[in-house]
Amino acid sequence: MIRVGVVGASGRTGSKVVEALRSCDGAVLAAAVVSPTSSRIGGAVSGTGVSFTGSIEALKGCDVAIEFSNPESSVTVAEKCAE
């Protein structure tokens, strides 16, 4: 099973990715990263057993990261994934 982290998980496109992962046979949502100031932090991602987090550290246990936040965050996310 491929463990997927979605950055920007509560946005328009990120939420669609999360939705698609719910019915995916070969992959599972492992991290749902949102803005550090989001009111969704700590809330459950429906149907997944995952909670929203404001920390990109959550990507550490993921096999794949899908980034749909904003251009400013993309470099930071790429650097974290490269570690």
C-alpha atoms as a PDB file:
ATOM      1  CA  MET A   1       0.000   0.000   0.000  1.00  0.00           C
ATOM      2  CA  ILE A   2       1.420   3.384  -1.008  1.00  0.00           C
ATOM      3  CA  ARG A   3       1.227   5.962   1.796  1.00  0.00           C
ATOM      4  CA  VAL A   4       0.284   9.364   0.364  1.00  0.00           C
ATOM      5  CA  GLY A   5       0.625  12.771   1.994  1.00  0.00           C
ATOM      6  CA  VAL A   6      -1.445  15.639   0.605  1.00  0.00           C
ATOM      7  CA  VAL A   7      -0.254  19.193   1.229  1.00  0.00           C
ATOM      8  CA  GLY A   8      -3.082  21.662   0.848  1.00  0.00           C
ATOM      9  CA  ALA A   9      -5.512  18.889   1.771  1.00  0.00           C
ATOM     10  CA  SER A  10      -8.395  21.213   2.614  1.00  0.00           C
ATOM     11  CA  GLY A  11      -8.200  23.321  -0.550  1.00  0.00           C
ATOM     12  CA  ARG A  12     -10.175  22.928  -3.769  1.00  0.00           C
ATOM     13  CA  THR A  13      -7.842  20.524  -5.509  1.00  0.00           C
ATOM     14  CA  GLY A  14      -6.275  18.956  -2.430  1.00  0.00           C
ATOM     15  CA  SER A  15      -9.678  17.947  -1.097  1.00  0.00           C
ATOM     16  CA  LYS A  16     -10.434  16.249  -4.438  1.00  0.00           C
ATOM     17  CA  VAL A  17      -7.184  14.281  -4.150  1.00  0.00           C
ATOM     18  CA  VAL A  18      -8.143  13.236  -0.619  1.00  0.00           C
ATOM     19  CA  GLU A  19     -11.573  12.197  -1.888  1.00  0.00           C
ATOM     20  CA  ALA A  20     -10.013  10.104  -4.667  1.00  0.00           C
ATOM     21  CA  LEU A  21      -7.689   8.364  -2.213  1.00  0.00           C
ATOM     22  CA  ARG A  22     -10.671   7.143  -0.176  1.00  0.00           C
ATOM     23  CA  SER A  23     -11.619   4.813  -3.018  1.00  0.00           C
ATOM     24  CA  CYS A  24      -8.125   3.940  -4.245  1.00  0.00           C
ATOM     25  CA  ASP A  25      -7.114   0.296  -3.872  1.00  0.00           C
ATOM     26  CA  GLY A  26      -3.347   0.775  -4.050  1.00  0.00           C
ATOM     27  CA  ALA A  27      -2.867   3.904  -1.951  1.00  0.00           C
ATOM     28  CA  VAL A  28      -3.979   5.331   1.381  1.00  0.00           C
ATOM     29  CA  LEU A  29      -4.002   8.847   2.809  1.00  0.00           C
ATOM     30  CA  ALA A  30      -1.235   8.966   5.412  1.00  0.00           C
ATOM     31  CA  ALA A  31      -0.973  12.738   5.998  1.00  0.00           C
ATOM     32  CA  ALA A  32      -3.270  15.687   5.355  1.00  0.00           C
ATOM     33  CA  VAL A  33      -1.264  18.891   5.698  1.00  0.00           C
ATOM     34  CA  VAL A  34      -2.971  22.281   5.828  1.00  0.00           C
ATOM     35  CA  SER A  35      -1.807  25.812   6.585  1.00  0.00           C
ATOM     36  CA  PRO A  36      -0.318  26.181  10.077  1.00  0.00           C
ATOM     37  CA  THR A  37      -3.061  28.739  10.776  1.00  0.00           C
ATOM     38  CA  SER A  38      -5.959  26.590   9.532  1.00  0.00           C
ATOM     39  CA  SER A  39      -8.934  26.014  11.801  1.00  0.00           C
ATOM     40  CA  ARG A  40      -9.043  22.424  10.494  1.00  0.00           C
ATOM     41  CA  ILE A  41      -5.891  21.362  12.365  1.00  0.00           C
ATOM     42  CA  GLY A  42      -6.703  18.417  14.589  1.00  0.00           C
ATOM     43  CA  GLY A  43      -9.988  17.751  12.826  1.00  0.00           C
ATOM     44  CA  ALA A  44     -10.679  14.388  11.242  1.00  0.00           C
ATOM     45  CA  VAL A  45     -10.378  13.849   7.514  1.00  0.00           C
ATOM     46  CA  SER A  46     -13.683  12.130   6.847  1.00  0.00           C
ATOM     47  CA  GLY A  47     -13.466   8.433   6.051  1.00  0.00           C
ATOM     48  CA  THR A  48      -9.697   8.125   6.453  1.00  0.00           C
ATOM     49  CA  GLY A  49      -8.651   7.802  10.094  1.00  0.00           C
ATOM     50  CA  VAL A  50      -6.265  10.742   9.510  1.00  0.00           C
ATOM     51  CA  SER A  51      -6.394  14.170  11.157  1.00  0.00           C
ATOM     52  CA  PHE A  52      -5.470  17.450   9.509  1.00  0.00           C
ATOM     53  CA  THR A  53      -2.082  18.780  10.610  1.00  0.00           C
ATOM     54  CA  GLY A  54      -0.268  22.053  10.097  1.00  0.00           C
ATOM     55  CA  SER A  55       3.162  20.419  10.105  1.00  0.00           C
ATOM     56  CA  ILE A  56       5.000  19.128   7.062  1.00  0.00           C
ATOM     57  CA  GLU A  57       6.798  16.778   9.453  1.00  0.00           C
ATOM     58  CA  ALA A  58       3.778  14.508   8.906  1.00  0.00           C
ATOM     59  CA  LEU A  59       5.196  13.720   5.455  1.00  0.00           C
ATOM     60  CA  LYS A  60       8.068  11.737   6.974  1.00  0.00           C
ATOM     61  CA  GLY A  61       6.104   8.487   6.940  1.00  0.00           C
ATOM     62  CA  CYS A  62       4.797   8.935   3.402  1.00  0.00           C
ATOM     63  CA  ASP A  63       5.957   7.269   0.209  1.00  0.00           C
ATOM     64  CA  VAL A  64       4.524  10.058  -1.963  1.00  0.00           C
ATOM     65  CA  ALA A  65       3.681  13.713  -1.364  1.00  0.00           C
ATOM     66  CA  ILE A  66       1.156  15.560  -3.510  1.00  0.00           C
ATOM     67  CA  GLU A  67       1.500  19.318  -3.139  1.00  0.00           C
ATOM     68  CA  PHE A  68      -1.480  21.577  -3.828  1.00  0.00           C
ATOM     69  CA  SER A  69      -0.943  24.456  -1.412  1.00  0.00           C
ATOM     70  CA  ASN A  70       0.759  27.572  -2.751  1.00  0.00           C
ATOM     71  CA  PRO A  71       3.957  28.437  -4.636  1.00  0.00           C
ATOM     72  CA  GLU A  72       5.681  29.770  -1.529  1.00  0.00           C
ATOM     73  CA  SER A  73       5.252  26.458   0.298  1.00  0.00           C
ATOM     74  CA  SER A  74       6.291  24.260  -2.608  1.00  0.00           C
ATOM     75  CA  VAL A  75      10.028  24.749  -2.104  1.00  0.00           C
ATOM     76  CA  THR A  76       9.789  24.003   1.620  1.00  0.00           C
ATOM     77  CA  VAL A  77       7.759  20.870   0.938  1.00  0.00           C
ATOM     78  CA  ALA A  78      10.235  19.706  -1.743  1.00  0.00           C
ATOM     79  CA  GLU A  79      13.153  20.234   0.645  1.00  0.00           C
ATOM     80  CA  LYS A  80      11.401  18.252   3.385  1.00  0.00           C
ATOM     81  CA  CYS A  81      10.682  15.415   0.986  1.00  0.00           C
ATOM     82  CA  ALA A  82      14.311  15.321  -0.118  1.00  0.00           C
ATOM     83  CA  GLU A  83      15.508  14.681   3.450  1.00  0.00           C
END
